[in-house]
Amino acid sequence: MNTVETAPTPAAILNSLLRNGIVVRAVALALATIVLIALRHPTWVPYSVSLYAIWNAAALTLNSVRAARV
Protein backbone atom coordinates (compact mmCIF):
# COMPACT_ATOMS: atom_id res chain seq x y z
CA MET A 1 0.00 0.00 0.00
CA ASN A 2 1.36 3.42 -0.91
CA THR A 3 1.12 6.28 1.50
CA VAL A 4 1.36 9.88 0.45
CA GLU A 5 3.44 12.08 2.70
CA THR A 6 2.25 15.64 2.97
CA ALA A 7 4.58 18.59 3.40
CA PRO A 8 4.39 20.39 6.74
CA THR A 9 2.33 23.54 6.74
CA PRO A 10 4.04 26.94 7.13
CA ALA A 11 2.36 27.28 10.54
CA ALA A 12 3.87 23.98 11.69
CA ILE A 13 7.30 25.06 10.49
CA LEU A 14 7.04 28.43 12.25
CA ASN A 15 5.83 26.74 15.42
CA SER A 16 8.83 24.40 15.33
CA LEU A 17 11.23 27.31 14.82
CA LEU A 18 9.66 29.23 17.69
CA ARG A 19 9.84 26.21 19.95
CA ASN A 20 13.59 25.77 19.51
CA GLY A 21 14.29 29.50 19.73
CA ILE A 22 15.73 30.27 16.30
CA VAL A 23 13.22 33.03 15.65
CA VAL A 24 13.70 34.51 19.12
CA ARG A 25 17.48 34.67 18.69
CA ALA A 26 17.18 36.21 15.22
CA VAL A 27 14.77 38.88 16.47
CA ALA A 28 17.11 39.61 19.40
CA LEU A 29 20.01 40.16 16.97
CA ALA A 30 17.93 42.42 14.75
CA LEU A 31 16.73 44.43 17.73
CA ALA A 32 20.25 44.78 19.12
CA THR A 33 21.51 45.98 15.74
CA ILE A 34 18.74 48.56 15.42
CA VAL A 35 19.30 49.84 18.96
CA LEU A 36 23.07 50.11 18.52
CA ILE A 37 22.71 52.00 15.25
CA ALA A 38 20.04 54.27 16.73
CA LEU A 39 22.32 55.04 19.69
CA ARG A 40 25.10 55.88 17.23
CA HIS A 41 27.29 52.94 18.27
CA PRO A 42 27.63 51.09 14.96
CA THR A 43 31.10 49.82 15.92
CA TRP A 44 29.40 47.59 18.50
CA VAL A 45 27.32 45.79 15.87
CA PRO A 46 30.05 43.22 15.05
CA TYR A 47 30.29 42.41 18.76
CA SER A 48 26.55 41.80 18.95
CA VAL A 49 26.77 39.58 15.86
CA SER A 50 29.61 37.62 17.48
CA LEU A 51 27.60 37.25 20.68
CA TYR A 52 24.63 36.07 18.62
CA ALA A 53 26.80 33.48 16.86
CA ILE A 54 28.03 32.11 20.19
CA TRP A 55 24.49 32.11 21.63
CA ASN A 56 23.13 30.39 18.54
CA ALA A 57 25.85 27.73 18.48
CA ALA A 58 25.32 26.94 22.16
CA ALA A 59 21.55 26.74 21.73
CA LEU A 60 21.80 24.50 18.67
CA THR A 61 24.26 22.24 20.48
CA LEU A 62 21.97 21.94 23.50
CA ASN A 63 18.97 21.23 21.25
CA SER A 64 20.97 18.52 19.48
CA VAL A 65 21.88 16.94 22.81
CA ARG A 66 18.24 16.99 23.89
CA ALA A 67 17.16 15.44 20.60
CA ALA A 68 19.79 12.72 20.88
CA ARG A 69 18.49 11.68 24.32
CA VAL A 70 15.03 10.92 22.97
PDB file of N, CA and C in Angstrom:
ATOM      1  N   MET A   1       0.838  -1.167   0.000  1.00  0.00           N
ATOM      2  CA  MET A   1       0.000   0.000   0.000  1.00  0.00           C
ATOM      3  C   MET A   1       0.890   1.239   0.000  1.00  0.00           C
ATOM      4  N   ASN A   2       0.598   2.171  -0.849  1.00  0.00           N
ATOM      5  CA  ASN A   2       1.364   3.417  -0.913  1.00  0.00           C
ATOM      6  C   ASN A   2       0.739   4.466  -0.014  1.00  0.00           C
ATOM      7  N   THR A   3       1.599   5.165   0.686  1.00  0.00           N
ATOM      8  CA  THR A   3       1.119   6.280   1.496  1.00  0.00           C
ATOM      9  C   THR A   3       1.715   7.563   0.939  1.00  0.00           C
ATOM     10  N   VAL A   4       0.925   8.590   0.949  1.00  0.00           N
ATOM     11  CA  VAL A   4       1.365   9.882   0.445  1.00  0.00           C
ATOM     12  C   VAL A   4       1.744  10.748   1.632  1.00  0.00           C
ATOM     13  N   GLU A   5       2.995  11.193   1.636  1.00  0.00           N
ATOM     14  CA  GLU A   5       3.438  12.085   2.704  1.00  0.00           C
ATOM     15  C   GLU A   5       3.127  13.518   2.309  1.00  0.00           C
ATOM     16  N   THR A   6       2.567  14.245   3.247  1.00  0.00           N
ATOM     17  CA  THR A   6       2.246  15.643   2.975  1.00  0.00           C
ATOM     18  C   THR A   6       3.342  16.525   3.558  1.00  0.00           C
ATOM     19  N   ALA A   7       3.584  17.628   2.916  1.00  0.00           N
ATOM     20  CA  ALA A   7       4.578  18.586   3.404  1.00  0.00           C
ATOM     21  C   ALA A   7       4.012  19.304   4.627  1.00  0.00           C
ATOM     22  N   PRO A   8       4.887  19.651   5.573  1.00  0.00           N
ATOM     23  CA  PRO A   8       4.395  20.391   6.741  1.00  0.00           C
ATOM     24  C   PRO A   8       3.877  21.770   6.335  1.00  0.00           C
ATOM     25  N   THR A   9       2.898  22.232   7.035  1.00  0.00           N
ATOM     26  CA  THR A   9       2.332  23.544   6.741  1.00  0.00           C
ATOM     27  C   THR A   9       3.285  24.642   7.224  1.00  0.00           C
ATOM     28  N   PRO A  10       3.189  25.833   6.652  1.00  0.00           N
ATOM     29  CA  PRO A  10       4.036  26.936   7.133  1.00  0.00           C
ATOM     30  C   PRO A  10       3.832  27.222   8.624  1.00  0.00           C
ATOM     31  N   ALA A  11       2.619  27.061   9.112  1.00  0.00           N
ATOM     32  CA  ALA A  11       2.357  27.281  10.539  1.00  0.00           C
ATOM     33  C   ALA A  11       3.100  26.263  11.392  1.00  0.00           C
ATOM     34  N   ALA A  12       3.156  25.016  10.948  1.00  0.00           N
ATOM     35  CA  ALA A  12       3.868  23.984  11.692  1.00  0.00           C
ATOM     36  C   ALA A  12       5.367  24.258  11.700  1.00  0.00           C
ATOM     37  N   ILE A  13       5.872  24.739  10.576  1.00  0.00           N
ATOM     38  CA  ILE A  13       7.299  25.061  10.490  1.00  0.00           C
ATOM     39  C   ILE A  13       7.634  26.228  11.414  1.00  0.00           C
ATOM     40  N   LEU A  14       6.819  27.270  11.384  1.00  0.00           N
ATOM     41  CA  LEU A  14       7.044  28.428  12.251  1.00  0.00           C
ATOM     42  C   LEU A  14       6.947  28.030  13.716  1.00  0.00           C
ATOM     43  N   ASN A  15       5.980  27.197  14.052  1.00  0.00           N
ATOM     44  CA  ASN A  15       5.831  26.736  15.423  1.00  0.00           C
ATOM     45  C   ASN A  15       7.078  25.981  15.877  1.00  0.00           C
ATOM     46  N   SER A  16       7.621  25.147  15.008  1.00  0.00           N
ATOM     47  CA  SER A  16       8.833  24.404  15.332  1.00  0.00           C
ATOM     48  C   SER A  16      10.014  25.350  15.544  1.00  0.00           C
ATOM     49  N   LEU A  17      10.143  26.345  14.681  1.00  0.00           N
ATOM     50  CA  LEU A  17      11.233  27.308  14.821  1.00  0.00           C
ATOM     51  C   LEU A  17      11.099  28.123  16.106  1.00  0.00           C
ATOM     52  N   LEU A  18       9.885  28.483  16.449  1.00  0.00           N
ATOM     53  CA  LEU A  18       9.656  29.235  17.687  1.00  0.00           C
ATOM     54  C   LEU A  18       9.978  28.378  18.907  1.00  0.00           C
ATOM     55  N   ARG A  19       9.625  27.101  18.824  1.00  0.00           N
ATOM     56  CA  ARG A  19       9.844  26.209  19.951  1.00  0.00           C
ATOM     57  C   ARG A  19      11.331  26.038  20.258  1.00  0.00           C
ATOM     58  N   ASN A  20      12.165  25.947  19.224  1.00  0.00           N
ATOM     59  CA  ASN A  20      13.589  25.766  19.515  1.00  0.00           C
ATOM     60  C   ASN A  20      14.356  27.086  19.578  1.00  0.00           C
ATOM     61  N   GLY A  21      13.695  28.209  19.438  1.00  0.00           N
ATOM     62  CA  GLY A  21      14.285  29.499  19.733  1.00  0.00           C
ATOM     63  C   GLY A  21      15.007  30.200  18.596  1.00  0.00           C
ATOM     64  N   ILE A  22      15.010  29.637  17.403  1.00  0.00           N
ATOM     65  CA  ILE A  22      15.727  30.266  16.299  1.00  0.00           C
ATOM     66  C   ILE A  22      15.162  31.650  16.004  1.00  0.00           C
ATOM     67  N   VAL A  23      13.861  31.756  15.962  1.00  0.00           N
ATOM     68  CA  VAL A  23      13.224  33.035  15.647  1.00  0.00           C
ATOM     69  C   VAL A  23      13.510  34.051  16.755  1.00  0.00           C
ATOM     70  N   VAL A  24      13.454  33.611  17.989  1.00  0.00           N
ATOM     71  CA  VAL A  24      13.701  34.514  19.117  1.00  0.00           C
ATOM     72  C   VAL A  24      15.118  35.068  19.052  1.00  0.00           C
ATOM     73  N   ARG A  25      16.097  34.206  18.775  1.00  0.00           N
ATOM     74  CA  ARG A  25      17.484  34.665  18.688  1.00  0.00           C
ATOM     75  C   ARG A  25      17.683  35.614  17.508  1.00  0.00           C
ATOM     76  N   ALA A  26      17.050  35.340  16.388  1.00  0.00           N
ATOM     77  CA  ALA A  26      17.185  36.215  15.218  1.00  0.00           C
ATOM     78  C   ALA A  26      16.567  37.583  15.484  1.00  0.00           C
ATOM     79  N   VAL A  27      15.416  37.604  16.135  1.00  0.00           N
ATOM     80  CA  VAL A  27      14.775  38.878  16.474  1.00  0.00           C
ATOM     81  C   VAL A  27      15.629  39.651  17.478  1.00  0.00           C
ATOM     82  N   ALA A  28      16.241  38.950  18.418  1.00  0.00           N
ATOM     83  CA  ALA A  28      17.115  39.608  19.396  1.00  0.00           C
ATOM     84  C   ALA A  28      18.308  40.259  18.693  1.00  0.00           C
ATOM     85  N   LEU A  29      18.885  39.577  17.714  1.00  0.00           N
ATOM     86  CA  LEU A  29      20.006  40.157  16.966  1.00  0.00           C
ATOM     87  C   LEU A  29      19.559  41.381  16.181  1.00  0.00           C
ATOM     88  N   ALA A  30      18.432  41.284  15.519  1.00  0.00           N
ATOM     89  CA  ALA A  30      17.930  42.425  14.747  1.00  0.00           C
ATOM     90  C   ALA A  30      17.651  43.616  15.654  1.00  0.00           C
ATOM     91  N   LEU A  31      17.042  43.356  16.787  1.00  0.00           N
ATOM     92  CA  LEU A  31      16.730  44.430  17.728  1.00  0.00           C
ATOM     93  C   LEU A  31      18.006  45.067  18.277  1.00  0.00           C
ATOM     94  N   ALA A  32      18.983  44.238  18.620  1.00  0.00           N
ATOM     95  CA  ALA A  32      20.253  44.776  19.122  1.00  0.00           C
ATOM     96  C   ALA A  32      20.937  45.637  18.066  1.00  0.00           C
ATOM     97  N   THR A  33      20.900  45.205  16.826  1.00  0.00           N
ATOM     98  CA  THR A  33      21.514  45.977  15.738  1.00  0.00           C
ATOM     99  C   THR A  33      20.817  47.318  15.571  1.00  0.00           C
ATOM    100  N   ILE A  34      19.502  47.309  15.571  1.00  0.00           N
ATOM    101  CA  ILE A  34      18.738  48.558  15.420  1.00  0.00           C
ATOM    102  C   ILE A  34      19.030  49.518  16.571  1.00  0.00           C
ATOM    103  N   VAL A  35      19.054  48.995  17.785  1.00  0.00           N
ATOM    104  CA  VAL A  35      19.299  49.844  18.958  1.00  0.00           C
ATOM    105  C   VAL A  35      20.705  50.431  18.903  1.00  0.00           C
ATOM    106  N   LEU A  36      21.693  49.600  18.569  1.00  0.00           N
ATOM    107  CA  LEU A  36      23.066  50.105  18.521  1.00  0.00           C
ATOM    108  C   LEU A  36      23.237  51.171  17.447  1.00  0.00           C
ATOM    109  N   ILE A  37      22.620  50.977  16.302  1.00  0.00           N
ATOM    110  CA  ILE A  37      22.710  51.995  15.247  1.00  0.00           C
ATOM    111  C   ILE A  37      21.963  53.258  15.662  1.00  0.00           C
ATOM    112  N   ALA A  38      20.815  53.102  16.288  1.00  0.00           N
ATOM    113  CA  ALA A  38      20.039  54.269  16.731  1.00  0.00           C
ATOM    114  C   ALA A  38      20.784  55.062  17.809  1.00  0.00           C
ATOM    115  N   LEU A  39      21.551  54.367  18.635  1.00  0.00           N
ATOM    116  CA  LEU A  39      22.322  55.038  19.690  1.00  0.00           C
ATOM    117  C   LEU A  39      23.677  55.529  19.189  1.00  0.00           C
ATOM    118  N   ARG A  40      23.873  55.432  17.889  1.00  0.00           N
ATOM    119  CA  ARG A  40      25.098  55.877  17.230  1.00  0.00           C
ATOM    120  C   ARG A  40      26.333  55.132  17.742  1.00  0.00           C
ATOM    121  N   HIS A  41      26.179  53.813  17.895  1.00  0.00           N
ATOM    122  CA  HIS A  41      27.287  52.937  18.267  1.00  0.00           C
ATOM    123  C   HIS A  41      27.424  51.805  17.246  1.00  0.00           C
ATOM    124  N   PRO A  42      27.581  52.142  15.971  1.00  0.00           N
ATOM    125  CA  PRO A  42      27.629  51.090  14.957  1.00  0.00           C
ATOM    126  C   PRO A  42      28.860  50.193  15.080  1.00  0.00           C
ATOM    127  N   THR A  43      29.912  50.674  15.767  1.00  0.00           N
ATOM    128  CA  THR A  43      31.099  49.819  15.922  1.00  0.00           C
ATOM    129  C   THR A  43      30.827  48.629  16.841  1.00  0.00           C
ATOM    130  N   TRP A  44      29.747  48.696  17.616  1.00  0.00           N
ATOM    131  CA  TRP A  44      29.402  47.588  18.504  1.00  0.00           C
ATOM    132  C   TRP A  44      28.602  46.501  17.801  1.00  0.00           C
ATOM    133  N   VAL A  45      28.131  46.776  16.595  1.00  0.00           N
ATOM    134  CA  VAL A  45      27.317  45.795  15.871  1.00  0.00           C
ATOM    135  C   VAL A  45      28.075  44.486  15.639  1.00  0.00           C
ATOM    136  N   PRO A  46      29.336  44.509  15.213  1.00  0.00           N
ATOM    137  CA  PRO A  46      30.046  43.223  15.052  1.00  0.00           C
ATOM    138  C   PRO A  46      30.141  42.419  16.347  1.00  0.00           C
ATOM    139  N   TYR A  47      30.254  43.123  17.478  1.00  0.00           N
ATOM    140  CA  TYR A  47      30.286  42.409  18.759  1.00  0.00           C
ATOM    141  C   TYR A  47      28.954  41.735  19.047  1.00  0.00           C
ATOM    142  N   SER A  48      27.861  42.413  18.720  1.00  0.00           N
ATOM    143  CA  SER A  48      26.545  41.796  18.950  1.00  0.00           C
ATOM    144  C   SER A  48      26.343  40.615  18.009  1.00  0.00           C
ATOM    145  N   VAL A  49      26.874  40.701  16.788  1.00  0.00           N
ATOM    146  CA  VAL A  49      26.772  39.578  15.857  1.00  0.00           C
ATOM    147  C   VAL A  49      27.596  38.396  16.378  1.00  0.00           C
ATOM    148  N   SER A  50      28.774  38.682  16.915  1.00  0.00           N
ATOM    149  CA  SER A  50      29.607  37.616  17.482  1.00  0.00           C
ATOM    150  C   SER A  50      28.919  36.966  18.681  1.00  0.00           C
ATOM    151  N   LEU A  51      28.330  37.778  19.524  1.00  0.00           N
ATOM    152  CA  LEU A  51      27.604  37.247  20.675  1.00  0.00           C
ATOM    153  C   LEU A  51      26.426  36.389  20.217  1.00  0.00           C
ATOM    154  N   TYR A  52      25.731  36.846  19.177  1.00  0.00           N
ATOM    155  CA  TYR A  52      24.633  36.071  18.617  1.00  0.00           C
ATOM    156  C   TYR A  52      25.127  34.727  18.096  1.00  0.00           C
ATOM    157  N   ALA A  53      26.264  34.726  17.410  1.00  0.00           N
ATOM    158  CA  ALA A  53      26.796  33.480  16.858  1.00  0.00           C
ATOM    159  C   ALA A  53      27.134  32.490  17.972  1.00  0.00           C
ATOM    160  N   ILE A  54      27.710  32.984  19.047  1.00  0.00           N
ATOM    161  CA  ILE A  54      28.027  32.107  20.186  1.00  0.00           C
ATOM    162  C   ILE A  54      26.745  31.589  20.818  1.00  0.00           C
ATOM    163  N   TRP A  55      25.769  32.481  21.035  1.00  0.00           N
ATOM    164  CA  TRP A  55      24.490  32.109  21.634  1.00  0.00           C
ATOM    165  C   TRP A  55      23.783  31.081  20.761  1.00  0.00           C
ATOM    166  N   ASN A  56      23.798  31.289  19.462  1.00  0.00           N
ATOM    167  CA  ASN A  56      23.126  30.392  18.536  1.00  0.00           C
ATOM    168  C   ASN A  56      23.802  29.022  18.519  1.00  0.00           C
ATOM    169  N   ALA A  57      25.130  29.003  18.494  1.00  0.00           N
ATOM    170  CA  ALA A  57      25.855  27.733  18.482  1.00  0.00           C
ATOM    171  C   ALA A  57      25.591  26.940  19.761  1.00  0.00           C
ATOM    172  N   ALA A  58      25.597  27.626  20.888  1.00  0.00           N
ATOM    173  CA  ALA A  58      25.323  26.940  22.156  1.00  0.00           C
ATOM    174  C   ALA A  58      23.896  26.397  22.191  1.00  0.00           C
ATOM    175  N   ALA A  59      22.944  27.185  21.727  1.00  0.00           N
ATOM    176  CA  ALA A  59      21.547  26.742  21.725  1.00  0.00           C
ATOM    177  C   ALA A  59      21.344  25.558  20.786  1.00  0.00           C
ATOM    178  N   LEU A  60      21.944  25.609  19.606  1.00  0.00           N
ATOM    179  CA  LEU A  60      21.805  24.495  18.665  1.00  0.00           C
ATOM    180  C   LEU A  60      22.457  23.231  19.204  1.00  0.00           C
ATOM    181  N   THR A  61      23.599  23.390  19.878  1.00  0.00           N
ATOM    182  CA  THR A  61      24.259  22.239  20.478  1.00  0.00           C
ATOM    183  C   THR A  61      23.398  21.621  21.572  1.00  0.00           C
ATOM    184  N   LEU A  62      22.837  22.463  22.435  1.00  0.00           N
ATOM    185  CA  LEU A  62      21.967  21.939  23.496  1.00  0.00           C
ATOM    186  C   LEU A  62      20.729  21.280  22.934  1.00  0.00           C
ATOM    187  N   ASN A  63      20.146  21.846  21.879  1.00  0.00           N
ATOM    188  CA  ASN A  63      18.971  21.227  21.245  1.00  0.00           C
ATOM    189  C   ASN A  63      19.335  19.895  20.617  1.00  0.00           C
ATOM    190  N   SER A  64      20.523  19.793  20.059  1.00  0.00           N
ATOM    191  CA  SER A  64      20.968  18.518  19.475  1.00  0.00           C
ATOM    192  C   SER A  64      21.159  17.464  20.557  1.00  0.00           C
ATOM    193  N   VAL A  65      21.700  17.876  21.689  1.00  0.00           N
ATOM    194  CA  VAL A  65      21.884  16.939  22.805  1.00  0.00           C
ATOM    195  C   VAL A  65      20.533  16.456  23.314  1.00  0.00           C
ATOM    196  N   ARG A  66      19.583  17.379  23.450  1.00  0.00           N
ATOM    197  CA  ARG A  66      18.238  16.987  23.895  1.00  0.00           C
ATOM    198  C   ARG A  66      17.587  16.025  22.899  1.00  0.00           C
ATOM    199  N   ALA A  67      17.757  16.300  21.619  1.00  0.00           N
ATOM    200  CA  ALA A  67      17.161  15.439  20.596  1.00  0.00           C
ATOM    201  C   ALA A  67      17.808  14.061  20.588  1.00  0.00           C
ATOM    202  N   ALA A  68      19.090  13.998  20.876  1.00  0.00           N
ATOM    203  CA  ALA A  68      19.793  12.718  20.880  1.00  0.00           C
ATOM    204  C   ALA A  68      19.365  11.842  22.047  1.00  0.00           C
ATOM    205  N   ARG A  69      18.924  12.450  23.131  1.00  0.00           N
ATOM    206  CA  ARG A  69      18.489  11.682  24.318  1.00  0.00           C
ATOM    207  C   ARG A  69      17.167  10.968  24.078  1.00  0.00           C
ATOM    208  N   VAL A  70      16.373  11.477  23.183  1.00  0.00           N
ATOM    209  CA  VAL A  70      15.027  10.921  22.967  1.00  0.00           C
ATOM    210  C   VAL A  70      15.077   9.633  22.227  1.00  0.00           C
TER     211      VAL A  70
END
